[in-house]
Amino acid sequence: MKKENNYFFCYSPDLSKEIKRNGISYITKSINPKNGLYYTLFEKDDRLREVLAQYKKQYQ
């Protein structure tokens, strides 16, 4: 049985800004110890999925 991941690790500063501009708060900002990259962590919900879909349409 596959368990759904309830978190979105955002490694794109531009996407992170867009998500926050749409009123979604992040859980934390951190550095991935495996690769040294910064990320912003968001909880997945319907609103986040909607913002991600809009962002994808806009930048494809």
Protein backbone atom coordinates (compact mmCIF):
# COMPACT_ATOMS: atom_id res chain seq x y z
CA MET A 1 0.00 0.00 0.00
CA LYS A 2 1.38 3.37 -1.05
CA LYS A 3 1.22 6.12 1.57
CA GLU A 4 0.53 9.61 0.25
CA ASN A 5 3.09 12.29 1.07
CA ASN A 6 1.26 15.17 2.76
CA TYR A 7 4.08 17.66 2.28
CA PHE A 8 5.44 19.61 -0.68
CA PHE A 9 9.16 20.34 -0.64
CA CYS A 10 9.61 23.43 -2.82
CA TYR A 11 13.15 23.99 -4.08
CA SER A 12 12.21 26.87 -6.40
CA PRO A 13 12.41 30.36 -4.84
CA ASP A 14 10.09 31.74 -7.53
CA LEU A 15 7.47 29.06 -6.96
CA SER A 16 7.74 29.47 -3.20
CA LYS A 17 7.08 33.22 -3.57
CA GLU A 18 4.07 32.51 -5.79
CA ILE A 19 2.63 30.06 -3.26
CA LYS A 20 3.08 32.59 -0.44
CA ARG A 21 1.61 35.37 -2.63
CA ASN A 22 -1.52 33.23 -2.85
CA GLY A 23 -1.92 33.26 0.92
CA ILE A 24 -0.46 29.87 1.73
CA SER A 25 1.89 29.77 4.71
CA TYR A 26 4.90 27.51 4.82
CA ILE A 27 5.76 25.13 7.64
CA THR A 28 9.50 25.74 7.61
CA LYS A 29 12.48 26.70 5.50
CA SER A 30 15.55 24.52 5.70
CA ILE A 31 18.51 22.96 3.91
CA ASN A 32 18.43 19.42 2.62
CA PRO A 33 21.41 17.72 4.33
CA LYS A 34 21.84 15.29 1.42
CA ASN A 35 22.34 17.89 -1.30
CA GLY A 36 22.80 21.23 0.52
CA LEU A 37 19.89 22.87 -1.30
CA TYR A 38 17.44 25.25 0.38
CA TYR A 39 13.76 24.34 0.36
CA THR A 40 10.46 25.62 1.70
CA LEU A 41 8.06 23.06 3.12
CA PHE A 42 4.30 23.38 2.58
CA GLU A 43 1.46 21.14 3.66
CA LYS A 44 -0.39 19.68 0.67
CA ASP A 45 -4.06 20.57 0.45
CA ASP A 46 -6.56 21.44 -2.27
CA ARG A 47 -5.58 25.13 -2.29
CA LEU A 48 -1.89 24.32 -2.78
CA ARG A 49 -2.72 21.88 -5.58
CA GLU A 50 -4.77 24.63 -7.26
CA VAL A 51 -1.91 27.16 -7.01
CA LEU A 52 0.58 24.61 -8.37
CA ALA A 53 -1.70 23.83 -11.32
CA GLN A 54 -2.10 27.55 -12.11
CA TYR A 55 1.65 28.08 -11.87
CA LYS A 56 2.31 25.14 -14.17
CA LYS A 57 -0.13 26.48 -16.80
CA GLN A 58 1.38 29.95 -16.59
CA TYR A 59 4.99 28.84 -17.06
CA GLN A 60 4.66 26.04 -19.62
